[in-house]
Amino acid sequence: LSTLAVSVPQSVPKTNDTFVFPARGNERSHFSGYAEGKKALDGKVNIDGVALENWTLHDLRRTLATNLGRRQVLPHVIEHILNHKA
């Protein structure tokens, strides 16, 4: 990650009940509600004005990996970005 990307979560004060991405309306809980968020995205994602159908959030990971590979990012770096490596 870039220096800026790393600095954002590091700037959040560390307490036991603080989340970088809290639930909407409940800062003491982690983000949830992916299904509702996906429905909202479905209404906004389109290509040339035509709604994109039958896509999943995982498609974004595959697209990222494909495009990083096309840009000659090393495979082990892509694996780390996708959190496939410990």
Protein backbone atom coordinates (compact mmCIF):
# COMPACT_ATOMS: atom_id res chain seq x y z
CA LEU A 1 0.00 0.00 0.00
CA SER A 2 1.04 3.58 -0.49
CA THR A 3 2.27 5.65 2.42
CA LEU A 4 -1.01 7.59 2.39
CA ALA A 5 -3.12 4.41 2.39
CA VAL A 6 -1.19 3.04 5.35
CA SER A 7 -1.38 6.32 7.26
CA VAL A 8 -5.20 6.53 7.20
CA PRO A 9 -5.99 3.55 9.47
CA GLN A 10 -2.91 4.31 11.58
CA SER A 11 -4.31 7.78 12.28
CA VAL A 12 -7.40 6.32 13.99
CA PRO A 13 -6.93 6.30 17.77
CA LYS A 14 -6.50 2.73 19.00
CA THR A 15 -9.19 1.72 21.46
CA ASN A 16 -10.98 -1.56 21.97
CA ASP A 17 -14.23 -0.26 20.52
CA THR A 18 -13.02 1.71 17.49
CA PHE A 19 -13.40 0.39 13.97
CA VAL A 20 -11.83 1.93 10.87
CA PHE A 21 -14.98 0.96 8.95
CA PRO A 22 -17.79 1.01 11.52
CA ALA A 23 -21.39 0.08 10.90
CA ARG A 24 -23.53 2.95 9.69
CA GLY A 25 -25.12 4.53 12.74
CA ASN A 26 -23.22 2.30 15.19
CA GLU A 27 -19.55 3.15 15.59
CA ARG A 28 -19.09 0.36 18.14
CA SER A 29 -19.86 -2.36 15.60
CA HIS A 30 -18.03 -3.48 12.47
CA PHE A 31 -19.40 -2.85 8.99
CA SER A 32 -22.02 -5.31 7.83
CA GLY A 33 -24.85 -5.21 5.34
CA TYR A 34 -22.95 -6.19 2.22
CA ALA A 35 -26.17 -7.41 0.59
CA GLU A 36 -27.84 -4.02 0.98
CA GLY A 37 -24.74 -2.24 -0.26
CA LYS A 38 -24.55 -4.57 -3.26
CA LYS A 39 -28.18 -3.81 -4.15
CA ALA A 40 -27.40 -0.09 -4.04
CA LEU A 41 -24.37 -0.63 -6.28
CA ASP A 42 -26.42 -2.70 -8.72
CA GLY A 43 -28.57 0.35 -9.39
CA LYS A 44 -25.52 2.47 -10.19
CA VAL A 45 -23.26 0.14 -12.16
CA ASN A 46 -23.82 0.35 -15.87
CA ILE A 47 -21.91 0.25 -19.12
CA ASP A 48 -23.01 2.78 -21.73
CA GLY A 49 -26.29 3.27 -19.86
CA VAL A 50 -27.10 -0.46 -19.66
CA ALA A 51 -27.25 -2.01 -16.20
CA LEU A 52 -24.55 -4.59 -15.53
CA GLU A 53 -26.24 -7.83 -14.49
CA ASN A 54 -25.06 -10.96 -12.68
CA TRP A 55 -21.89 -9.54 -11.17
CA THR A 56 -20.53 -10.14 -7.68
CA LEU A 57 -18.23 -8.22 -5.37
CA HIS A 58 -15.67 -10.99 -5.91
CA ASP A 59 -15.56 -9.97 -9.59
CA LEU A 60 -13.85 -6.77 -8.43
CA ARG A 61 -11.03 -8.83 -6.88
CA ARG A 62 -10.58 -10.85 -10.07
CA THR A 63 -10.60 -7.68 -12.18
CA LEU A 64 -8.00 -6.09 -9.92
CA ALA A 65 -5.75 -9.16 -10.11
CA THR A 66 -6.08 -9.33 -13.90
CA ASN A 67 -5.26 -5.66 -14.38
CA LEU A 68 -2.33 -5.76 -11.96
CA GLY A 69 -0.95 -8.71 -13.91
CA ARG A 70 -1.33 -6.79 -17.17
CA ARG A 71 0.70 -4.00 -15.58
CA GLN A 72 3.44 -6.51 -14.80
CA VAL A 73 2.95 -6.47 -11.03
CA LEU A 74 4.72 -9.53 -9.67
CA PRO A 75 2.41 -12.45 -8.80
CA HIS A 76 3.52 -12.61 -5.15
CA VAL A 77 2.66 -8.90 -4.76
CA ILE A 78 -0.81 -9.49 -6.24
CA GLU A 79 -1.31 -12.39 -3.81
CA HIS A 80 -0.47 -10.12 -0.87
CA ILE A 81 -2.80 -7.39 -2.11
CA LEU A 82 -5.62 -9.94 -2.33
CA ASN A 83 -4.68 -11.16 1.16
CA HIS A 84 -3.93 -14.68 -0.13
CA LYS A 85 -0.63 -14.79 1.74
CA ALA A 86 0.00 -14.48 5.44
